[in-house]
Amino acid sequence: MSDPRVLILGAPGAGKGTQADRLTAAFDLEHITTGDALRANKDMETEYGTPREFMDAGELVPDPVVNEIVEAAIDDADGFVLDGYPRNESQVEYLEDITELDVVLYLDVAESELIDRLTGRRVCSECGRSYHVKYDPPAKEGVCDECGGELYQRDDDTEETARERIRVYEENTAAVVEHFRETGALVEIDGEQDPESVFEDIEAAVEAHTDAE
């Protein structure tokens, strides 16, 4: 049985996290995200300092440090789903120098659908449970099923914030998607299907590009 090396791409709200979790469970892979890798290796020494130095100062961790952290995570994994990296062409070049990907998945979702997904979340003010007004609504509008607390929309779930997140993603990552499309590694998945159908397409794509079954 092979250990697939998978990169999953998609805009905020496309469902990368959900599908990456399904992939890791189905194929027994490591789920590598930039945030998790940085938190797990805060004190890893690099030529440019440790991630902790930048994180504690509230600064963005520079690419060279992120690159080394991701490389360490990949080296420790037999197979993986990489989520949230690379974010720019420089990181793409680094990634291709340190590993050979089996397949690059791109969850294709229209902006209008992304906005619906991102702005529909509601959170309980008492217990913190999350709902979605369209996909996972409470039994009674505005009221938590678990504790009866009032549901509210977080500041980072407003339409203005959602549109800005998508804009930043497109500005930074469009070139990454196009790179893998040109190399022939990109498999486009209709991310607007129900989650089960999306995963069926993902599973088929991974199996088609590896001998994983």
N, C-alpha and C. Protein backbone atom coordinates (compact mmCIF):
# COMPACT_ATOMS: atom_id res chain seq x y z
N MET A 1 0.85 -1.19 0.00
CA MET A 1 0.00 0.00 0.00
C MET A 1 0.88 1.23 0.00
N SER A 2 0.59 2.15 -0.90
CA SER A 2 1.39 3.37 -0.99
C SER A 2 0.94 4.35 0.09
N ASP A 3 1.75 5.38 0.27
CA ASP A 3 1.41 6.46 1.20
C ASP A 3 1.25 7.73 0.39
N PRO A 4 0.03 8.05 -0.01
CA PRO A 4 -0.19 9.20 -0.89
C PRO A 4 0.34 10.51 -0.31
N ARG A 5 0.86 11.34 -1.19
CA ARG A 5 1.32 12.68 -0.84
C ARG A 5 0.41 13.65 -1.57
N VAL A 6 -0.50 14.25 -0.82
CA VAL A 6 -1.61 15.00 -1.40
C VAL A 6 -1.53 16.46 -0.96
N LEU A 7 -1.75 17.36 -1.90
CA LEU A 7 -1.91 18.78 -1.59
C LEU A 7 -3.35 19.15 -1.90
N ILE A 8 -4.02 19.82 -0.97
CA ILE A 8 -5.40 20.24 -1.19
C ILE A 8 -5.47 21.76 -1.17
N LEU A 9 -6.06 22.32 -2.23
CA LEU A 9 -6.16 23.77 -2.39
C LEU A 9 -7.63 24.17 -2.48
N GLY A 10 -7.92 25.40 -2.09
CA GLY A 10 -9.27 25.91 -2.18
C GLY A 10 -9.40 27.19 -1.37
N ALA A 11 -10.33 28.03 -1.75
CA ALA A 11 -10.53 29.30 -1.06
C ALA A 11 -11.13 29.08 0.33
N PRO A 12 -11.09 30.09 1.19
CA PRO A 12 -11.76 29.99 2.48
C PRO A 12 -13.23 29.63 2.27
N GLY A 13 -13.71 28.62 3.00
CA GLY A 13 -15.09 28.19 2.86
C GLY A 13 -15.29 27.08 1.85
N ALA A 14 -14.23 26.67 1.17
CA ALA A 14 -14.36 25.63 0.15
C ALA A 14 -14.49 24.24 0.75
N GLY A 15 -14.12 24.08 2.02
CA GLY A 15 -14.26 22.79 2.68
C GLY A 15 -12.97 22.00 2.79
N LYS A 16 -11.83 22.68 2.66
CA LYS A 16 -10.54 21.98 2.70
C LYS A 16 -10.35 21.21 4.00
N GLY A 17 -10.63 21.84 5.12
CA GLY A 17 -10.40 21.19 6.40
C GLY A 17 -11.23 19.94 6.58
N THR A 18 -12.50 20.03 6.22
CA THR A 18 -13.40 18.88 6.34
C THR A 18 -12.93 17.72 5.48
N GLN A 19 -12.60 18.02 4.22
CA GLN A 19 -12.20 16.96 3.30
C GLN A 19 -10.81 16.43 3.64
N ALA A 20 -9.92 17.29 4.13
CA ALA A 20 -8.59 16.82 4.54
C ALA A 20 -8.70 15.85 5.70
N ASP A 21 -9.62 16.13 6.64
CA ASP A 21 -9.82 15.21 7.77
C ASP A 21 -10.33 13.85 7.28
N ARG A 22 -11.22 13.86 6.30
CA ARG A 22 -11.74 12.60 5.75
C ARG A 22 -10.62 11.83 5.06
N LEU A 23 -9.78 12.55 4.33
CA LEU A 23 -8.67 11.91 3.62
C LEU A 23 -7.69 11.26 4.58
N THR A 24 -7.34 11.97 5.63
CA THR A 24 -6.37 11.44 6.58
C THR A 24 -6.89 10.16 7.23
N ALA A 25 -8.20 10.14 7.51
CA ALA A 25 -8.79 8.96 8.12
C ALA A 25 -8.87 7.79 7.13
N ALA A 26 -9.25 8.10 5.89
CA ALA A 26 -9.46 7.04 4.89
C ALA A 26 -8.16 6.38 4.46
N PHE A 27 -7.07 7.16 4.39
CA PHE A 27 -5.81 6.64 3.88
C PHE A 27 -4.70 6.58 4.93
N ASP A 28 -5.07 6.87 6.20
CA ASP A 28 -4.11 6.83 7.30
C ASP A 28 -2.92 7.75 7.02
N LEU A 29 -3.22 9.02 6.77
CA LEU A 29 -2.20 10.01 6.44
C LEU A 29 -2.07 11.05 7.55
N GLU A 30 -0.98 11.78 7.51
CA GLU A 30 -0.80 12.92 8.40
C GLU A 30 -1.47 14.15 7.76
N HIS A 31 -2.20 14.92 8.57
CA HIS A 31 -2.79 16.17 8.10
C HIS A 31 -1.84 17.29 8.49
N ILE A 32 -1.14 17.85 7.51
CA ILE A 32 -0.15 18.89 7.78
C ILE A 32 -0.73 20.25 7.41
N THR A 33 -0.93 21.08 8.41
CA THR A 33 -1.34 22.46 8.17
C THR A 33 -0.23 23.38 8.67
N THR A 34 -0.11 24.53 8.04
CA THR A 34 0.95 25.46 8.43
C THR A 34 0.82 25.85 9.90
N GLY A 35 -0.42 26.19 10.31
CA GLY A 35 -0.64 26.62 11.68
C GLY A 35 -0.25 25.56 12.69
N ASP A 36 -0.72 24.33 12.46
CA ASP A 36 -0.40 23.24 13.39
C ASP A 36 1.10 22.96 13.43
N ALA A 37 1.73 22.98 12.24
CA ALA A 37 3.17 22.71 12.17
C ALA A 37 3.96 23.77 12.92
N LEU A 38 3.54 25.01 12.79
CA LEU A 38 4.24 26.09 13.50
C LEU A 38 4.06 25.98 15.01
N ARG A 39 2.83 25.68 15.43
CA ARG A 39 2.56 25.56 16.87
C ARG A 39 3.32 24.39 17.47
N ALA A 40 3.44 23.31 16.71
CA ALA A 40 4.13 22.12 17.22
C ALA A 40 5.64 22.28 17.25
N ASN A 41 6.13 23.28 16.50
CA ASN A 41 7.59 23.46 16.41
C ASN A 41 7.98 24.90 16.71
N LYS A 42 7.33 25.49 17.71
CA LYS A 42 7.56 26.90 18.03
C LYS A 42 9.03 27.21 18.29
N ASP A 43 9.72 26.26 18.89
CA ASP A 43 11.09 26.52 19.32
C ASP A 43 12.14 25.88 18.43
N MET A 44 11.72 25.45 17.24
CA MET A 44 12.67 24.87 16.30
C MET A 44 13.62 25.96 15.79
N GLU A 45 14.91 25.70 15.94
CA GLU A 45 15.91 26.67 15.52
C GLU A 45 16.08 26.63 13.99
N THR A 46 16.01 27.80 13.38
CA THR A 46 16.30 27.93 11.95
C THR A 46 17.32 29.05 11.79
N GLU A 47 17.80 29.19 10.59
CA GLU A 47 18.78 30.24 10.30
C GLU A 47 18.22 31.62 10.60
N TYR A 48 16.88 31.72 10.58
CA TYR A 48 16.23 33.03 10.73
C TYR A 48 15.59 33.21 12.10
N GLY A 49 15.82 32.28 13.01
CA GLY A 49 15.22 32.34 14.34
C GLY A 49 14.16 31.27 14.50
N THR A 50 13.48 31.29 15.64
CA THR A 50 12.43 30.31 15.90
C THR A 50 11.07 30.91 15.54
N PRO A 51 10.08 30.08 15.22
CA PRO A 51 8.73 30.60 14.97
C PRO A 51 8.18 31.39 16.16
N ARG A 52 8.54 30.94 17.39
CA ARG A 52 8.02 31.61 18.59
C ARG A 52 8.37 33.09 18.61
N GLU A 53 9.57 33.43 18.16
CA GLU A 53 10.00 34.83 18.19
C GLU A 53 9.06 35.72 17.38
N PHE A 54 8.61 35.22 16.24
CA PHE A 54 7.71 36.01 15.39
C PHE A 54 6.28 35.95 15.91
N MET A 55 5.86 34.76 16.36
CA MET A 55 4.49 34.60 16.83
C MET A 55 4.24 35.42 18.09
N ASP A 56 5.20 35.42 19.01
CA ASP A 56 5.03 36.18 20.25
C ASP A 56 5.01 37.68 20.00
N ALA A 57 5.66 38.09 18.92
CA ALA A 57 5.70 39.51 18.57
C ALA A 57 4.50 39.92 17.71
N GLY A 58 3.64 38.94 17.41
CA GLY A 58 2.47 39.23 16.59
C GLY A 58 2.79 39.48 15.14
N GLU A 59 3.93 38.96 14.69
CA GLU A 59 4.37 39.18 13.31
C GLU A 59 4.14 37.92 12.47
N LEU A 60 4.02 38.11 11.16
CA LEU A 60 3.93 36.97 10.27
C LEU A 60 5.25 36.21 10.29
N VAL A 61 5.16 34.90 10.35
CA VAL A 61 6.36 34.09 10.30
C VAL A 61 6.87 34.10 8.86
N PRO A 62 8.11 34.52 8.62
CA PRO A 62 8.61 34.66 7.24
C PRO A 62 8.70 33.32 6.51
N ASP A 63 8.62 33.40 5.19
CA ASP A 63 8.63 32.20 4.35
C ASP A 63 9.76 31.23 4.67
N PRO A 64 11.01 31.69 4.82
CA PRO A 64 12.09 30.72 5.06
C PRO A 64 11.87 29.87 6.31
N VAL A 65 11.28 30.46 7.36
CA VAL A 65 11.01 29.72 8.59
C VAL A 65 9.86 28.74 8.36
N VAL A 66 8.79 29.22 7.71
CA VAL A 66 7.65 28.36 7.40
C VAL A 66 8.12 27.17 6.56
N ASN A 67 8.96 27.46 5.57
CA ASN A 67 9.46 26.40 4.69
C ASN A 67 10.15 25.29 5.48
N GLU A 68 11.02 25.68 6.40
CA GLU A 68 11.77 24.68 7.17
C GLU A 68 10.85 23.86 8.08
N ILE A 69 9.84 24.53 8.65
CA ILE A 69 8.89 23.84 9.53
C ILE A 69 8.08 22.82 8.72
N VAL A 70 7.61 23.23 7.55
CA VAL A 70 6.83 22.33 6.70
C VAL A 70 7.70 21.15 6.25
N GLU A 71 8.94 21.44 5.90
CA GLU A 71 9.84 20.37 5.47
C GLU A 71 10.02 19.34 6.59
N ALA A 72 10.18 19.82 7.82
CA ALA A 72 10.34 18.90 8.95
C ALA A 72 9.10 18.03 9.13
N ALA A 73 7.92 18.64 8.97
CA ALA A 73 6.67 17.88 9.11
C ALA A 73 6.54 16.83 8.01
N ILE A 74 6.91 17.19 6.79
CA ILE A 74 6.84 16.25 5.67
C ILE A 74 7.83 15.10 5.87
N ASP A 75 9.02 15.44 6.36
CA ASP A 75 10.03 14.40 6.60
C ASP A 75 9.58 13.37 7.63
N ASP A 76 8.73 13.81 8.57
CA ASP A 76 8.26 12.92 9.63
C ASP A 76 7.06 12.08 9.22
N ALA A 77 6.50 12.37 8.04
CA ALA A 77 5.27 11.70 7.61
C ALA A 77 5.55 10.72 6.47
N ASP A 78 4.96 9.53 6.56
CA ASP A 78 5.07 8.58 5.45
C ASP A 78 4.18 9.01 4.29
N GLY A 79 2.99 9.47 4.61
CA GLY A 79 2.08 10.03 3.62
C GLY A 79 1.37 11.19 4.27
N PHE A 80 0.88 12.13 3.48
CA PHE A 80 0.32 13.34 4.09
C PHE A 80 -0.71 14.01 3.20
N VAL A 81 -1.53 14.84 3.86
CA VAL A 81 -2.40 15.80 3.19
C VAL A 81 -1.91 17.17 3.62
N LEU A 82 -1.42 17.93 2.67
CA LEU A 82 -0.87 19.26 2.95
C LEU A 82 -1.96 20.29 2.70
N ASP A 83 -2.23 21.12 3.71
CA ASP A 83 -3.37 22.03 3.68
C ASP A 83 -2.91 23.41 4.16
N GLY A 84 -3.02 24.42 3.31
CA GLY A 84 -2.64 25.78 3.70
C GLY A 84 -1.23 26.17 3.29
N TYR A 85 -0.57 25.34 2.56
CA TYR A 85 0.79 25.59 2.06
C TYR A 85 0.93 24.77 0.77
N PRO A 86 1.52 25.37 -0.27
CA PRO A 86 2.16 26.67 -0.40
C PRO A 86 1.14 27.78 -0.69
N ARG A 87 1.49 28.99 -0.30
CA ARG A 87 0.62 30.15 -0.49
C ARG A 87 1.13 31.09 -1.58
N ASN A 88 2.31 30.86 -2.09
CA ASN A 88 2.85 31.72 -3.14
C ASN A 88 3.82 30.92 -4.01
N GLU A 89 4.28 31.53 -5.08
CA GLU A 89 5.13 30.81 -6.04
C GLU A 89 6.48 30.42 -5.45
N SER A 90 7.00 31.25 -4.55
CA SER A 90 8.27 30.93 -3.91
C SER A 90 8.14 29.65 -3.08
N GLN A 91 7.03 29.53 -2.35
CA GLN A 91 6.81 28.33 -1.55
C GLN A 91 6.58 27.11 -2.44
N VAL A 92 5.96 27.31 -3.61
CA VAL A 92 5.77 26.21 -4.56
C VAL A 92 7.13 25.65 -4.97
N GLU A 93 8.05 26.53 -5.30
CA GLU A 93 9.39 26.10 -5.72
C GLU A 93 10.07 25.32 -4.61
N TYR A 94 9.94 25.80 -3.38
CA TYR A 94 10.57 25.12 -2.25
C TYR A 94 9.95 23.73 -2.05
N LEU A 95 8.62 23.68 -2.13
CA LEU A 95 7.92 22.41 -1.93
C LEU A 95 8.35 21.38 -2.97
N GLU A 96 8.47 21.80 -4.21
CA GLU A 96 8.83 20.87 -5.28
C GLU A 96 10.28 20.40 -5.16
N ASP A 97 11.08 21.16 -4.42
CA ASP A 97 12.47 20.74 -4.19
C ASP A 97 12.58 19.68 -3.09
N ILE A 98 11.60 19.66 -2.17
CA ILE A 98 11.73 18.78 -1.01
C ILE A 98 10.86 17.53 -1.08
N THR A 99 9.87 17.51 -1.98
CA THR A 99 9.01 16.32 -2.08
C THR A 99 8.38 16.25 -3.45
N GLU A 100 7.89 15.06 -3.78
CA GLU A 100 7.17 14.87 -5.03
C GLU A 100 5.72 14.53 -4.70
N LEU A 101 4.80 15.39 -5.10
CA LEU A 101 3.40 15.20 -4.81
C LEU A 101 2.79 14.17 -5.76
N ASP A 102 1.85 13.38 -5.24
CA ASP A 102 1.13 12.43 -6.09
C ASP A 102 -0.03 13.11 -6.81
N VAL A 103 -0.73 13.99 -6.10
CA VAL A 103 -1.88 14.65 -6.69
C VAL A 103 -2.14 15.97 -5.97
N VAL A 104 -2.60 16.95 -6.73
CA VAL A 104 -2.98 18.25 -6.18
C VAL A 104 -4.48 18.43 -6.42
N LEU A 105 -5.24 18.52 -5.35
CA LEU A 105 -6.69 18.66 -5.43
C LEU A 105 -7.09 20.12 -5.28
N TYR A 106 -7.98 20.57 -6.14
CA TYR A 106 -8.48 21.95 -6.05
C TYR A 106 -9.99 21.91 -5.90
N LEU A 107 -10.50 22.37 -4.76
CA LEU A 107 -11.93 22.41 -4.51
C LEU A 107 -12.49 23.69 -5.13
N ASP A 108 -13.21 23.53 -6.21
CA ASP A 108 -13.72 24.66 -6.98
C ASP A 108 -15.12 25.03 -6.49
N VAL A 109 -15.24 26.23 -5.93
CA VAL A 109 -16.51 26.71 -5.39
C VAL A 109 -16.70 28.16 -5.82
N ALA A 110 -17.88 28.50 -6.34
CA ALA A 110 -18.16 29.86 -6.78
C ALA A 110 -18.12 30.83 -5.60
N GLU A 111 -17.75 32.08 -5.88
CA GLU A 111 -17.62 33.06 -4.80
C GLU A 111 -18.93 33.25 -4.04
N SER A 112 -20.05 33.25 -4.75
CA SER A 112 -21.34 33.46 -4.08
C SER A 112 -21.60 32.36 -3.06
N GLU A 113 -21.24 31.12 -3.39
CA GLU A 113 -21.41 30.01 -2.47
C GLU A 113 -20.45 30.14 -1.29
N LEU A 114 -19.21 30.57 -1.57
CA LEU A 114 -18.24 30.78 -0.49
C LEU A 114 -18.76 31.80 0.51
N ILE A 115 -19.35 32.88 0.00
CA ILE A 115 -19.89 33.93 0.87
C ILE A 115 -21.00 33.36 1.74
N ASP A 116 -21.89 32.57 1.14
CA ASP A 116 -22.97 31.96 1.91
C ASP A 116 -22.42 31.09 3.03
N ARG A 117 -21.41 30.31 2.71
CA ARG A 117 -20.84 29.40 3.71
C ARG A 117 -20.16 30.17 4.83
N LEU A 118 -19.39 31.20 4.46
CA LEU A 118 -18.61 31.92 5.45
C LEU A 118 -19.46 32.82 6.34
N THR A 119 -20.54 33.36 5.79
CA THR A 119 -21.35 34.31 6.57
C THR A 119 -22.50 33.62 7.31
N GLY A 120 -22.72 32.34 7.05
CA GLY A 120 -23.85 31.65 7.67
C GLY A 120 -23.57 31.05 9.03
N ARG A 121 -22.33 31.12 9.48
CA ARG A 121 -22.01 30.50 10.78
C ARG A 121 -22.60 31.33 11.93
N ARG A 122 -23.13 30.63 12.90
CA ARG A 122 -23.61 31.25 14.13
C ARG A 122 -23.05 30.47 15.31
N VAL A 123 -22.67 31.16 16.35
CA VAL A 123 -22.01 30.55 17.50
C VAL A 123 -22.80 30.83 18.76
N CYS A 124 -22.92 29.83 19.62
CA CYS A 124 -23.64 30.02 20.88
C CYS A 124 -22.82 30.88 21.84
N SER A 125 -23.46 31.89 22.40
CA SER A 125 -22.77 32.80 23.32
C SER A 125 -22.49 32.15 24.67
N GLU A 126 -23.16 31.01 24.93
CA GLU A 126 -22.98 30.35 26.22
C GLU A 126 -22.00 29.18 26.16
N CYS A 127 -22.25 28.23 25.23
CA CYS A 127 -21.42 27.01 25.22
C CYS A 127 -20.44 26.95 24.05
N GLY A 128 -20.59 27.87 23.09
CA GLY A 128 -19.63 27.94 21.99
C GLY A 128 -19.92 27.03 20.82
N ARG A 129 -21.02 26.25 20.87
CA ARG A 129 -21.33 25.36 19.74
C ARG A 129 -21.61 26.18 18.49
N SER A 130 -21.13 25.66 17.34
CA SER A 130 -21.32 26.35 16.06
C SER A 130 -22.47 25.74 15.27
N TYR A 131 -23.19 26.59 14.55
CA TYR A 131 -24.26 26.19 13.64
C TYR A 131 -24.04 26.89 12.31
N HIS A 132 -24.86 26.53 11.35
CA HIS A 132 -24.88 27.26 10.08
C HIS A 132 -26.34 27.45 9.69
N VAL A 133 -26.69 28.68 9.34
CA VAL A 133 -28.10 28.98 9.10
C VAL A 133 -28.68 28.16 7.95
N LYS A 134 -27.83 27.73 7.01
CA LYS A 134 -28.30 26.98 5.85
C LYS A 134 -28.02 25.50 5.97
N TYR A 135 -26.82 25.14 6.40
CA TYR A 135 -26.37 23.74 6.36
C TYR A 135 -26.53 22.99 7.68
N ASP A 136 -26.57 23.72 8.78
CA ASP A 136 -26.69 23.06 10.08
C ASP A 136 -27.42 23.99 11.05
N PRO A 137 -28.70 24.28 10.76
CA PRO A 137 -29.42 25.25 11.59
C PRO A 137 -29.89 24.65 12.90
N PRO A 138 -30.10 25.48 13.92
CA PRO A 138 -30.66 24.99 15.18
C PRO A 138 -32.15 24.71 14.99
N ALA A 139 -32.73 23.96 15.91
CA ALA A 139 -34.15 23.65 15.82
C ALA A 139 -34.99 24.93 15.89
N LYS A 140 -34.57 25.86 16.71
CA LYS A 140 -35.26 27.14 16.83
C LYS A 140 -34.28 28.25 16.45
N GLU A 141 -34.68 29.09 15.52
CA GLU A 141 -33.78 30.13 15.00
C GLU A 141 -33.23 31.00 16.13
N GLY A 142 -31.89 31.14 16.12
CA GLY A 142 -31.24 32.03 17.07
C GLY A 142 -31.02 31.45 18.46
N VAL A 143 -31.42 30.16 18.65
CA VAL A 143 -31.32 29.56 19.99
C VAL A 143 -30.54 28.25 19.90
N CYS A 144 -29.57 28.07 20.79
CA CYS A 144 -28.74 26.86 20.80
C CYS A 144 -29.55 25.64 21.24
N ASP A 145 -29.41 24.56 20.48
CA ASP A 145 -30.09 23.30 20.82
C ASP A 145 -29.57 22.71 22.12
N GLU A 146 -28.28 22.93 22.40
CA GLU A 146 -27.64 22.30 23.53
C GLU A 146 -27.99 22.95 24.87
N CYS A 147 -27.88 24.28 24.90
CA CYS A 147 -28.02 24.94 26.20
C CYS A 147 -29.05 26.08 26.21
N GLY A 148 -29.64 26.38 25.05
CA GLY A 148 -30.63 27.45 25.01
C GLY A 148 -30.03 28.83 24.93
N GLY A 149 -28.69 28.89 24.77
CA GLY A 149 -28.03 30.18 24.68
C GLY A 149 -28.34 30.91 23.37
N GLU A 150 -28.08 32.19 23.36
CA GLU A 150 -28.33 33.01 22.17
C GLU A 150 -27.21 32.81 21.15
N LEU A 151 -27.59 32.66 19.89
CA LEU A 151 -26.60 32.52 18.83
C LEU A 151 -26.26 33.88 18.25
N TYR A 152 -24.98 34.05 17.88
CA TYR A 152 -24.55 35.32 17.32
C TYR A 152 -23.58 35.08 16.17
N GLN A 153 -23.39 36.11 15.35
CA GLN A 153 -22.45 36.05 14.24
C GLN A 153 -21.14 36.71 14.66
N ARG A 154 -20.05 35.99 14.54
CA ARG A 154 -18.75 36.55 14.92
C ARG A 154 -18.34 37.64 13.95
N ASP A 155 -17.50 38.55 14.43
CA ASP A 155 -17.05 39.67 13.60
C ASP A 155 -16.34 39.20 12.33
N ASP A 156 -15.62 38.08 12.43
CA ASP A 156 -14.86 37.62 11.27
C ASP A 156 -15.72 36.76 10.32
N ASP A 157 -17.04 36.68 10.59
CA ASP A 157 -17.95 35.96 9.71
C ASP A 157 -18.87 36.90 8.93
N THR A 158 -18.61 38.20 8.97
CA THR A 158 -19.44 39.14 8.23
C THR A 158 -19.10 39.08 6.75
N GLU A 159 -20.01 39.58 5.91
CA GLU A 159 -19.79 39.53 4.46
C GLU A 159 -18.55 40.34 4.07
N GLU A 160 -18.37 41.49 4.69
CA GLU A 160 -17.20 42.32 4.36
C GLU A 160 -15.90 41.57 4.62
N THR A 161 -15.83 40.91 5.78
CA THR A 161 -14.63 40.16 6.13
C THR A 161 -14.46 38.96 5.21
N ALA A 162 -15.57 38.28 4.90
CA ALA A 162 -15.51 37.11 4.02
C ALA A 162 -14.97 37.49 2.64
N ARG A 163 -15.49 38.59 2.10
CA ARG A 163 -15.03 39.02 0.78
C ARG A 163 -13.55 39.38 0.79
N GLU A 164 -13.10 39.98 1.88
CA GLU A 164 -11.69 40.34 1.98
C GLU A 164 -10.81 39.10 2.08
N ARG A 165 -11.26 38.09 2.83
CA ARG A 165 -10.50 36.84 2.93
C ARG A 165 -10.37 36.18 1.56
N ILE A 166 -11.45 36.18 0.81
CA ILE A 166 -11.42 35.57 -0.53
C ILE A 166 -10.52 36.37 -1.46
N ARG A 167 -10.59 37.70 -1.35
CA ARG A 167 -9.73 38.55 -2.20
C ARG A 167 -8.26 38.29 -1.92
N VAL A 168 -7.90 38.22 -0.65
CA VAL A 168 -6.51 37.97 -0.28
C VAL A 168 -6.07 36.59 -0.77
N TYR A 169 -6.95 35.62 -0.62
CA TYR A 169 -6.63 34.26 -1.09
C TYR A 169 -6.36 34.27 -2.59
N GLU A 170 -7.26 34.89 -3.35
CA GLU A 170 -7.10 34.91 -4.81
C GLU A 170 -5.82 35.65 -5.20
N GLU A 171 -5.54 36.74 -4.52
CA GLU A 171 -4.36 37.55 -4.83
C GLU A 171 -3.08 36.76 -4.60
N ASN A 172 -3.06 35.97 -3.53
CA ASN A 172 -1.84 35.25 -3.16
C ASN A 172 -1.72 33.88 -3.80
N THR A 173 -2.85 33.22 -4.00
CA THR A 173 -2.81 31.80 -4.32
C THR A 173 -3.24 31.44 -5.74
N ALA A 174 -3.80 32.38 -6.47
CA ALA A 174 -4.22 32.10 -7.85
C ALA A 174 -3.06 31.57 -8.68
N ALA A 175 -1.88 32.14 -8.47
CA ALA A 175 -0.70 31.70 -9.24
C ALA A 175 -0.30 30.28 -8.86
N VAL A 176 -0.55 29.88 -7.62
CA VAL A 176 -0.23 28.52 -7.18
C VAL A 176 -1.12 27.52 -7.90
N VAL A 177 -2.41 27.82 -7.95
CA VAL A 177 -3.37 26.94 -8.65
C VAL A 177 -2.99 26.83 -10.12
N GLU A 178 -2.68 27.97 -10.73
CA GLU A 178 -2.34 27.97 -12.16
C GLU A 178 -1.06 27.18 -12.43
N HIS A 179 -0.10 27.26 -11.52
CA HIS A 179 1.15 26.51 -11.68
C HIS A 179 0.87 25.02 -11.78
N PHE A 180 0.09 24.51 -10.84
CA PHE A 180 -0.18 23.08 -10.84
C PHE A 180 -1.11 22.67 -11.99
N ARG A 181 -1.95 23.61 -12.44
CA ARG A 181 -2.77 23.31 -13.62
C ARG A 181 -1.88 23.14 -14.84
N GLU A 182 -0.88 23.99 -14.96
CA GLU A 182 0.03 23.93 -16.11
C GLU A 182 0.91 22.69 -16.08
N THR A 183 1.26 22.22 -14.90
CA THR A 183 2.11 21.02 -14.80
C THR A 183 1.30 19.74 -15.01
N GLY A 184 -0.02 19.87 -14.98
CA GLY A 184 -0.85 18.69 -15.16
C GLY A 184 -1.15 17.93 -13.89
N ALA A 185 -0.69 18.46 -12.75
CA ALA A 185 -0.89 17.76 -11.47
C ALA A 185 -2.25 18.06 -10.84
N LEU A 186 -2.90 19.13 -11.32
CA LEU A 186 -4.12 19.61 -10.68
C LEU A 186 -5.34 18.77 -11.07
N VAL A 187 -6.10 18.35 -10.07
CA VAL A 187 -7.39 17.70 -10.30
C VAL A 187 -8.46 18.60 -9.70
N GLU A 188 -9.33 19.12 -10.54
CA GLU A 188 -10.37 20.04 -10.07
C GLU A 188 -11.58 19.24 -9.61
N ILE A 189 -12.03 19.55 -8.39
CA ILE A 189 -13.16 18.87 -7.77
C ILE A 189 -14.30 19.87 -7.61
N ASP A 190 -15.50 19.47 -7.98
CA ASP A 190 -16.67 20.32 -7.79
C ASP A 190 -17.00 20.39 -6.31
N GLY A 191 -16.57 21.47 -5.68
CA GLY A 191 -16.74 21.62 -4.24
C GLY A 191 -18.12 22.05 -3.82
N GLU A 192 -19.04 22.26 -4.78
CA GLU A 192 -20.39 22.68 -4.44
C GLU A 192 -21.34 21.50 -4.26
N GLN A 193 -20.85 20.30 -4.47
CA GLN A 193 -21.65 19.11 -4.20
C GLN A 193 -21.80 18.93 -2.68
N ASP A 194 -22.65 17.98 -2.29
CA ASP A 194 -22.73 17.66 -0.88
C ASP A 194 -21.39 17.06 -0.45
N PRO A 195 -21.04 17.16 0.84
CA PRO A 195 -19.72 16.71 1.30
C PRO A 195 -19.40 15.27 0.95
N GLU A 196 -20.39 14.38 0.98
CA GLU A 196 -20.14 12.98 0.66
C GLU A 196 -19.72 12.82 -0.80
N SER A 197 -20.40 13.52 -1.70
CA SER A 197 -20.07 13.43 -3.13
C SER A 197 -18.71 14.04 -3.41
N VAL A 198 -18.40 15.14 -2.71
CA VAL A 198 -17.07 15.75 -2.86
C VAL A 198 -16.00 14.74 -2.47
N PHE A 199 -16.21 14.06 -1.35
CA PHE A 199 -15.19 13.11 -0.91
C PHE A 199 -15.08 11.92 -1.85
N GLU A 200 -16.18 11.47 -2.40
CA GLU A 200 -16.12 10.37 -3.37
C GLU A 200 -15.23 10.74 -4.55
N ASP A 201 -15.36 11.98 -5.03
CA ASP A 201 -14.52 12.44 -6.15
C ASP A 201 -13.06 12.55 -5.72
N ILE A 202 -12.84 13.04 -4.51
CA ILE A 202 -11.47 13.16 -3.98
C ILE A 202 -10.83 11.79 -3.84
N GLU A 203 -11.56 10.86 -3.26
CA GLU A 203 -11.04 9.51 -3.05
C GLU A 203 -10.68 8.87 -4.38
N ALA A 204 -11.54 9.04 -5.38
CA ALA A 204 -11.28 8.48 -6.71
C ALA A 204 -10.03 9.10 -7.32
N ALA A 205 -9.85 10.41 -7.13
CA ALA A 205 -8.69 11.09 -7.69
C ALA A 205 -7.40 10.60 -7.05
N VAL A 206 -7.41 10.44 -5.73
CA VAL A 206 -6.22 9.97 -5.03
C VAL A 206 -5.88 8.55 -5.47
N GLU A 207 -6.87 7.70 -5.55
CA GLU A 207 -6.63 6.31 -5.96
C GLU A 207 -6.13 6.23 -7.39
N ALA A 208 -6.63 7.14 -8.26
CA ALA A 208 -6.21 7.13 -9.65
C ALA A 208 -4.75 7.56 -9.83
N HIS A 209 -4.25 8.33 -8.88
CA HIS A 209 -2.88 8.85 -8.99
C HIS A 209 -1.87 8.11 -8.12
N THR A 210 -2.35 7.13 -7.38
CA THR A 210 -1.47 6.30 -6.55
C THR A 210 -1.99 4.87 -6.62
N ASP A 211 -1.34 3.96 -5.91
CA ASP A 211 -1.89 2.60 -5.83
C ASP A 211 -2.59 2.37 -4.50
N ALA A 212 -3.01 3.52 -3.88
CA ALA A 212 -3.74 3.43 -2.60
C ALA A 212 -5.15 2.94 -2.88
N GLU A 213 -5.61 2.01 -2.08
CA GLU A 213 -6.97 1.49 -2.20
C GLU A 213 -7.52 1.17 -0.81
